[in-house]
Amino acid sequence: MSALSSSGAVAAVPGTCCASPAEAHAMGSAAAGQVAKMLKALAEPLRLRMLSFITTSSTGEACVCDIAGVADVSQPTVSYHLRVLKDVGIVTSERRGTWVYYRVAPEVREAVSTLLQSFAPSALDARHAARTPLTGLRDVDATLGRVSDDLVAKFPHLAADVVLRTVRESYTALVRNGGLRAHLVPTTQSFAEQRLLDIARAGADRAARVPQVLFVCVADAGRSQLAAALLRHHAGDAVLARSAGSAPAGAVHSAVRYLLADLGVDVDAEEAFPKPLTDDAVRAADVVITMGCRDTCPVLPGRRYEDWVVGDPALASPEGVAAIRDDIDRRVRALLADLLPTPAPTTPDDLSTYQRSTP
């Protein structure tokens, strides 16, 4: 038996039979104290909202007056909370004339991105996650074999071993995700079929195929799903749309499910589910749009890459979700106008025909 000393080292307890390691593997007390100070500064709802507003700004910064308007609090209150974040090194400030602008400190930018893009949505999802453990399939080989046989018939030009390997890899990726607990077999088949389409497309003549756009965010549960659905809505069959996540969630965010349903997506089937990012999807794409995960997406020659700074609907109010949808819709329309030499199929000028109030 051993105990942690105040310095973080492991000290042996007299009379025990187990030898203690020379150094502790746990976090040292000094490091823990510094991290605790930063976490304490972040553990305030208004500060988290301010940080989210700053990081989703198109310029990566915001002034006190803008934050006060969004947070609906006085400017002195905003200044106080930002000073708390600045004192622990989370944000930096710069005075320009009469206004002070804040941005995330470069040293913690990646950590803040992980907090807002991965941890925060996961914390919200955990409140609604099922408590039953994921047991998987009793006879994985036989089940995946049947799925593979079905897909071999759909893709006769691909070798059977390629199809089976893709099915197995797709199942493994979805199970590793951990959040997917229902419809595992049909979801595996749907994901594998999409990957096989991408594999076949990657070997086709690029000049003879319609453009394909891949939307990538962290969880593939909000922004990327919505962007892909909007592109399909506006472009029809003139452009192919895919979505994926660098760390996919277990399900599409509830607020986004309503928007997808209004766009004609069958959210109760296996049509909309978070998908892991694969090299196949990137190779098959002509355009790759990242939203909050630019550094995790493979960069291949001959592809057009864009990074869209868009808020996360999982963390937004109902009004914020609507604003994010409108922002993505404008960006999708601009992208579509650039991709197609002729106008896309006629769609409504605004989203009013399929807007629905989120619960």
Protein backbone atom coordinates (compact mmCIF):
# COMPACT_ATOMS: atom_id res chain seq x y z
CA MET A 1 0.00 0.00 0.00
CA SER A 2 1.20 3.54 -0.64
CA ALA A 3 0.09 7.10 -0.01
CA LEU A 4 0.44 10.40 -1.84
CA SER A 5 2.62 12.95 -0.07
CA SER A 6 1.98 16.68 -0.33
CA SER A 7 4.60 16.90 -3.09
CA GLY A 8 2.78 14.36 -5.21
CA ALA A 9 5.32 11.57 -4.64
CA VAL A 10 4.26 8.12 -3.55
CA ALA A 11 5.42 7.25 -0.07
CA ALA A 12 5.55 3.70 1.20
CA VAL A 13 3.36 2.85 4.17
CA PRO A 14 5.33 1.01 6.86
CA GLY A 15 4.41 -2.61 7.32
CA THR A 16 3.07 -3.15 3.81
CA CYS A 17 4.32 -5.89 1.52
CA CYS A 18 4.16 -4.00 -1.77
CA ALA A 19 7.06 -1.92 -3.04
CA SER A 20 6.16 1.59 -4.18
CA PRO A 21 7.41 3.11 -7.43
CA ALA A 22 10.15 5.69 -7.18
CA GLU A 23 8.02 8.39 -8.78
CA ALA A 24 4.31 9.02 -8.72
CA HIS A 25 2.28 8.73 -11.88
CA ALA A 26 -0.37 11.05 -10.48
CA MET A 27 -0.41 14.79 -11.11
CA GLY A 28 1.91 16.72 -8.82
CA SER A 29 0.47 19.08 -6.24
CA ALA A 30 1.84 22.23 -7.89
CA ALA A 31 0.39 21.29 -11.28
CA ALA A 32 -2.90 20.27 -9.70
CA GLY A 33 -3.11 23.61 -7.92
CA GLN A 34 -2.56 25.56 -11.14
CA VAL A 35 -5.10 23.49 -13.06
CA ALA A 36 -7.61 23.84 -10.22
CA LYS A 37 -7.27 27.64 -10.36
CA MET A 38 -8.07 27.64 -14.07
CA LEU A 39 -10.97 25.23 -13.67
CA LYS A 40 -12.36 27.34 -10.83
CA ALA A 41 -12.23 30.40 -13.07
CA LEU A 42 -14.10 28.48 -15.78
CA ALA A 43 -16.71 27.07 -13.40
CA GLU A 44 -19.15 29.93 -13.91
CA PRO A 45 -21.90 29.85 -16.56
CA LEU A 46 -21.49 33.46 -17.68
CA ARG A 47 -17.74 33.05 -18.17
CA LEU A 48 -18.27 29.92 -20.24
CA ARG A 49 -20.75 31.80 -22.42
CA MET A 50 -18.28 34.67 -22.83
CA LEU A 51 -15.52 32.26 -23.79
CA SER A 52 -17.80 30.56 -26.30
CA PHE A 53 -18.72 33.93 -27.81
CA ILE A 54 -15.06 34.91 -28.18
CA THR A 55 -13.99 31.62 -29.78
CA THR A 56 -16.87 31.59 -32.28
CA SER A 57 -16.31 35.18 -33.37
CA SER A 58 -15.19 35.42 -37.00
CA THR A 59 -12.12 37.38 -35.86
CA GLY A 60 -11.38 35.23 -32.82
CA GLU A 61 -11.85 38.19 -30.50
CA ALA A 62 -14.60 40.31 -28.99
CA CYS A 63 -14.90 43.64 -27.22
CA VAL A 64 -16.62 44.20 -23.90
CA CYS A 65 -19.52 46.04 -25.51
CA ASP A 66 -20.36 43.13 -27.83
CA ILE A 67 -20.15 40.55 -25.04
CA ALA A 68 -22.35 42.68 -22.78
CA GLY A 69 -25.04 42.81 -25.45
CA VAL A 70 -25.05 39.06 -25.98
CA ALA A 71 -24.85 38.16 -22.28
CA ASP A 72 -27.46 40.81 -21.37
CA VAL A 73 -25.41 42.10 -18.43
CA SER A 74 -23.70 45.40 -17.71
CA GLN A 75 -20.25 46.17 -19.09
CA PRO A 76 -18.69 46.36 -15.60
CA THR A 77 -19.97 42.83 -14.94
CA VAL A 78 -18.45 41.62 -18.20
CA SER A 79 -15.14 43.30 -17.37
CA TYR A 80 -15.05 41.65 -13.95
CA HIS A 81 -15.58 38.14 -15.32
CA LEU A 82 -13.09 38.65 -18.14
CA ARG A 83 -10.53 39.87 -15.62
CA VAL A 84 -10.95 36.61 -13.70
CA LEU A 85 -10.24 34.65 -16.89
CA LYS A 86 -7.30 36.90 -17.70
CA ASP A 87 -5.76 36.55 -14.24
CA VAL A 88 -5.38 32.78 -14.72
CA GLY A 89 -4.07 33.08 -18.27
CA ILE A 90 -7.11 31.95 -20.24
CA VAL A 91 -7.65 35.19 -22.19
CA THR A 92 -5.53 38.16 -23.18
CA SER A 93 -6.66 41.74 -23.78
CA GLU A 94 -5.73 44.68 -25.99
CA ARG A 95 -7.00 48.24 -25.70
CA ARG A 96 -7.93 50.00 -28.94
CA GLY A 97 -9.15 53.50 -28.34
CA THR A 98 -11.90 53.39 -25.76
CA TRP A 99 -12.61 49.66 -26.11
CA VAL A 100 -10.82 46.58 -24.80
CA TYR A 101 -10.76 43.46 -26.97
CA TYR A 102 -10.30 39.95 -25.60
CA ARG A 103 -9.11 36.76 -27.24
CA VAL A 104 -8.11 33.29 -26.02
CA ALA A 105 -4.47 33.10 -24.98
CA PRO A 106 -2.42 31.17 -27.57
CA GLU A 107 -0.99 28.86 -24.89
CA VAL A 108 -4.42 27.50 -23.96
CA ARG A 109 -6.24 27.81 -27.30
CA GLU A 110 -6.18 24.06 -27.95
CA ALA A 111 -7.34 23.28 -24.41
CA VAL A 112 -10.21 25.78 -24.66
CA SER A 113 -11.21 24.31 -28.01
CA THR A 114 -11.32 20.84 -26.46
CA LEU A 115 -13.40 22.16 -23.57
CA LEU A 116 -16.01 23.83 -25.78
CA GLN A 117 -16.00 21.46 -28.74
CA SER A 118 -15.70 18.07 -27.01
CA PHE A 119 -16.16 18.20 -23.25
CA ALA A 120 -19.14 20.59 -23.10
CA PRO A 121 -21.33 18.68 -25.62
CA SER A 122 -20.38 15.38 -23.98
CA ALA A 123 -21.34 16.76 -20.57
CA LEU A 124 -24.76 17.69 -21.92
CA ASP A 125 -25.19 14.33 -23.66
CA ALA A 126 -24.26 12.48 -20.46
CA ARG A 127 -27.40 13.80 -18.78
CA HIS A 128 -29.55 11.93 -21.29
CA ALA A 129 -27.36 8.90 -22.02
CA ALA A 130 -28.80 5.46 -21.48
CA ARG A 131 -27.52 3.65 -18.41
CA THR A 132 -27.52 0.22 -20.00
CA PRO A 133 -24.09 -1.01 -21.09
CA LEU A 134 -23.28 -1.64 -24.73
CA THR A 135 -23.14 -5.39 -25.11
CA GLY A 136 -22.43 -5.55 -28.83
CA LEU A 137 -23.45 -8.54 -30.92
CA ARG A 138 -23.48 -12.12 -29.71
CA ASP A 139 -22.21 -13.47 -33.02
CA VAL A 140 -20.28 -10.64 -34.60
CA ASP A 141 -18.64 -12.65 -37.37
CA ALA A 142 -21.88 -14.16 -38.65
CA THR A 143 -23.75 -10.86 -38.51
CA LEU A 144 -21.03 -8.88 -40.25
CA GLY A 145 -20.73 -11.65 -42.81
CA ARG A 146 -24.40 -11.24 -43.73
CA VAL A 147 -23.98 -7.47 -43.97
CA SER A 148 -20.94 -8.00 -46.19
CA ASP A 149 -22.86 -10.39 -48.48
CA ASP A 150 -25.58 -7.77 -48.97
CA LEU A 151 -23.03 -5.10 -49.85
CA VAL A 152 -21.04 -7.36 -52.19
CA ALA A 153 -24.20 -7.65 -54.27
CA LYS A 154 -24.48 -3.84 -54.37
CA PHE A 155 -20.80 -3.33 -55.23
CA PRO A 156 -19.91 -6.15 -57.67
CA HIS A 157 -16.96 -4.15 -59.02
CA LEU A 158 -15.24 -4.20 -55.60
CA ALA A 159 -13.42 -7.26 -54.30
CA ALA A 160 -15.32 -9.23 -51.67
CA ASP A 161 -12.42 -9.01 -49.22
CA VAL A 162 -12.40 -5.21 -49.54
CA VAL A 163 -16.11 -5.12 -48.75
CA LEU A 164 -15.77 -7.44 -45.74
CA ARG A 165 -12.79 -5.49 -44.39
CA THR A 166 -14.71 -2.22 -44.75
CA VAL A 167 -17.72 -3.69 -42.92
CA ARG A 168 -15.53 -4.92 -40.06
CA GLU A 169 -13.68 -1.61 -39.80
CA SER A 170 -16.98 0.30 -39.82
CA TYR A 171 -18.42 -1.84 -37.03
CA THR A 172 -15.25 -1.47 -34.95
CA ALA A 173 -15.21 2.31 -35.41
CA LEU A 174 -18.84 2.65 -34.33
CA VAL A 175 -18.41 0.37 -31.30
CA ARG A 176 -15.23 2.18 -30.28
CA ASN A 177 -17.24 5.39 -30.31
CA GLY A 178 -19.05 4.00 -27.27
CA GLY A 179 -22.07 6.27 -27.46
CA LEU A 180 -23.90 4.26 -30.10
CA ARG A 181 -26.21 1.85 -28.29
CA ALA A 182 -29.05 1.14 -30.68
CA HIS A 183 -29.50 0.03 -34.30
CA LEU A 184 -25.88 -1.12 -34.40
CA VAL A 185 -26.30 -3.55 -37.31
CA PRO A 186 -28.25 -1.27 -39.71
CA THR A 187 -26.03 1.66 -38.75
CA THR A 188 -22.93 -0.41 -39.49
CA GLN A 189 -24.38 -1.34 -42.88
CA SER A 190 -25.24 2.27 -43.66
CA PHE A 191 -21.80 3.53 -42.63
CA ALA A 192 -20.01 0.75 -44.53
CA GLU A 193 -22.10 1.42 -47.64
CA GLN A 194 -21.20 5.10 -47.53
CA ARG A 195 -17.52 4.23 -47.18
CA LEU A 196 -17.71 1.81 -50.12
CA LEU A 197 -19.30 4.53 -52.23
CA ASP A 198 -16.40 6.78 -51.27
CA ILE A 199 -13.86 4.08 -52.12
CA ALA A 200 -15.44 3.57 -55.54
CA ARG A 201 -15.67 7.30 -56.12
CA ALA A 202 -12.00 7.87 -55.28
CA GLY A 203 -11.04 5.66 -58.21
CA ALA A 204 -13.37 7.34 -60.70
CA ASP A 205 -12.58 10.14 -63.14
CA ARG A 206 -12.78 13.36 -61.12
CA ALA A 207 -13.82 15.40 -64.15
CA ALA A 208 -16.83 13.18 -64.85
CA ARG A 209 -18.33 13.08 -61.36
CA VAL A 210 -20.50 15.53 -59.46
CA PRO A 211 -18.77 17.53 -56.71
CA GLN A 212 -18.69 16.02 -53.24
CA VAL A 213 -18.44 18.12 -50.07
CA LEU A 214 -17.35 16.72 -46.72
CA PHE A 215 -18.40 18.65 -43.61
CA VAL A 216 -16.33 17.83 -40.52
CA CYS A 217 -16.82 18.94 -36.93
CA VAL A 218 -15.79 17.34 -33.65
CA ALA A 219 -18.90 15.33 -32.78
CA ASP A 220 -20.74 15.20 -36.14
CA ALA A 221 -23.86 15.74 -34.07
CA GLY A 222 -24.76 19.32 -34.94
CA ARG A 223 -23.04 21.69 -37.34
CA SER A 224 -21.73 19.16 -39.86
CA GLN A 225 -25.02 17.24 -39.94
CA LEU A 226 -26.98 20.45 -40.48
CA ALA A 227 -24.60 21.73 -43.17
CA ALA A 228 -24.81 18.46 -45.11
CA ALA A 229 -28.61 18.44 -44.89
CA LEU A 230 -28.83 22.06 -46.07
CA LEU A 231 -26.54 21.34 -49.01
CA ARG A 232 -28.68 18.37 -50.04
CA HIS A 233 -31.80 20.50 -49.66
CA HIS A 234 -30.50 23.26 -51.93
CA ALA A 235 -28.49 21.19 -54.43
CA GLY A 236 -30.52 18.03 -54.82
CA ASP A 237 -28.46 15.47 -56.74
CA ALA A 238 -26.16 18.10 -58.24
CA VAL A 239 -23.76 17.86 -55.29
CA LEU A 240 -23.02 15.01 -52.87
CA ALA A 241 -22.83 15.91 -49.19
CA ARG A 242 -21.13 13.95 -46.42
CA SER A 243 -20.56 14.63 -42.73
CA ALA A 244 -18.11 13.19 -40.22
CA GLY A 245 -16.63 13.86 -36.79
CA SER A 246 -13.12 13.68 -35.40
CA ALA A 247 -14.61 12.42 -32.11
CA PRO A 248 -18.20 11.46 -32.99
CA ALA A 249 -20.96 11.58 -30.41
CA GLY A 250 -23.44 8.81 -29.75
CA ALA A 251 -26.38 10.62 -31.35
CA VAL A 252 -27.36 13.80 -33.15
CA HIS A 253 -28.12 16.68 -30.76
CA SER A 254 -31.81 16.95 -29.96
CA ALA A 255 -32.08 20.58 -31.10
CA VAL A 256 -30.57 19.67 -34.47
CA ARG A 257 -32.82 16.64 -34.94
CA TYR A 258 -35.82 18.96 -35.29
CA LEU A 259 -34.04 21.02 -37.92
CA LEU A 260 -32.99 17.91 -39.85
CA ALA A 261 -36.55 16.59 -39.78
CA ASP A 262 -37.78 19.88 -41.22
CA LEU A 263 -35.26 19.42 -44.05
CA GLY A 264 -36.66 16.00 -44.89
CA VAL A 265 -34.08 13.86 -43.09
CA ASP A 266 -35.52 10.70 -41.56
CA VAL A 267 -34.00 11.11 -38.11
CA ASP A 268 -35.78 8.03 -36.76
CA ALA A 269 -34.10 5.75 -39.29
CA GLU A 270 -30.38 5.20 -39.75
CA GLU A 271 -30.06 8.16 -42.09
CA ALA A 272 -28.70 10.64 -39.53
CA PHE A 273 -26.05 9.40 -37.13
CA PRO A 274 -22.60 10.69 -36.13
CA LYS A 275 -19.92 9.09 -38.30
CA PRO A 276 -16.19 8.78 -37.61
CA LEU A 277 -13.88 10.68 -39.94
CA THR A 278 -12.11 8.33 -42.37
CA ASP A 279 -9.42 8.75 -44.99
CA ASP A 280 -11.89 7.32 -47.53
CA ALA A 281 -14.23 10.25 -46.98
CA VAL A 282 -11.45 12.79 -47.42
CA ARG A 283 -10.09 11.10 -50.55
CA ALA A 284 -13.57 11.05 -52.12
CA ALA A 285 -14.24 14.72 -51.38
CA ASP A 286 -13.59 17.66 -53.65
CA VAL A 287 -14.22 20.18 -50.87
CA VAL A 288 -13.58 19.66 -47.15
CA ILE A 289 -15.23 22.09 -44.73
CA THR A 290 -14.03 21.94 -41.13
CA MET A 291 -15.89 23.49 -38.22
CA GLY A 292 -13.83 23.48 -35.05
CA CYS A 293 -11.48 20.60 -35.91
CA ARG A 294 -9.22 21.85 -38.68
CA ASP A 295 -6.05 20.32 -37.23
CA THR A 296 -7.48 16.77 -37.10
CA CYS A 297 -8.50 16.49 -40.75
CA PRO A 298 -6.03 14.89 -43.19
CA VAL A 299 -4.78 17.31 -45.85
CA LEU A 300 -4.60 15.70 -49.29
CA PRO A 301 -3.51 17.37 -52.52
CA GLY A 302 -6.16 18.45 -54.99
CA ARG A 303 -8.82 19.17 -52.37
CA ARG A 304 -10.25 22.52 -51.47
CA TYR A 305 -10.21 23.18 -47.73
CA GLU A 306 -12.18 25.79 -45.83
CA ASP A 307 -12.59 26.37 -42.10
CA TRP A 308 -15.93 27.82 -41.00
CA VAL A 309 -16.10 29.49 -37.60
CA VAL A 310 -19.63 28.55 -36.56
CA GLY A 311 -21.20 28.26 -33.12
CA ASP A 312 -22.08 24.87 -31.66
CA PRO A 313 -25.88 24.32 -31.52
CA ALA A 314 -25.41 21.86 -28.65
CA LEU A 315 -24.47 24.77 -26.40
CA ALA A 316 -26.82 27.41 -27.80
CA SER A 317 -30.22 28.70 -26.77
CA PRO A 318 -33.19 28.10 -29.13
CA GLU A 319 -32.58 31.56 -30.59
CA GLY A 320 -28.90 30.76 -30.92
CA VAL A 321 -29.66 27.49 -32.71
CA ALA A 322 -31.79 29.39 -35.23
CA ALA A 323 -28.99 31.93 -35.76
CA ILE A 324 -26.44 29.14 -36.28
CA ARG A 325 -28.75 27.46 -38.80
CA ASP A 326 -29.13 30.73 -40.72
CA ASP A 327 -25.36 31.31 -40.67
CA ILE A 328 -24.65 27.81 -42.02
CA ASP A 329 -27.38 28.23 -44.64
CA ARG A 330 -25.78 31.43 -45.97
CA ARG A 331 -22.40 29.75 -46.15
CA VAL A 332 -23.83 26.68 -47.89
CA ARG A 333 -25.60 28.83 -50.49
CA ALA A 334 -22.39 30.74 -51.21
CA LEU A 335 -20.44 27.49 -51.53
CA LEU A 336 -23.06 26.02 -53.85
CA ALA A 337 -23.02 29.09 -56.09
CA ASP A 338 -19.27 28.67 -56.41
CA LEU A 339 -19.36 24.92 -57.08
CA LEU A 340 -22.04 24.71 -59.76
CA PRO A 341 -21.65 26.35 -63.17
CA THR A 342 -25.44 26.46 -63.49
CA PRO A 343 -28.01 27.36 -60.83
CA ALA A 344 -29.01 24.63 -58.41
CA PRO A 345 -32.63 23.47 -58.21
CA THR A 346 -34.98 26.17 -56.99
CA THR A 347 -35.42 26.29 -53.22
CA PRO A 348 -37.15 28.77 -50.92
CA ASP A 349 -35.35 32.09 -50.49
CA ASP A 350 -35.39 31.63 -46.74
CA LEU A 351 -35.90 28.89 -44.21
CA SER A 352 -39.36 29.96 -43.10
CA THR A 353 -41.09 27.15 -44.98
CA TYR A 354 -39.42 24.49 -42.91
CA GLN A 355 -38.58 26.24 -39.66
CA ARG A 356 -39.89 24.62 -36.54
CA SER A 357 -39.56 25.84 -33.00
CA THR A 358 -37.20 23.73 -30.97
CA PRO A 359 -38.55 22.43 -27.67
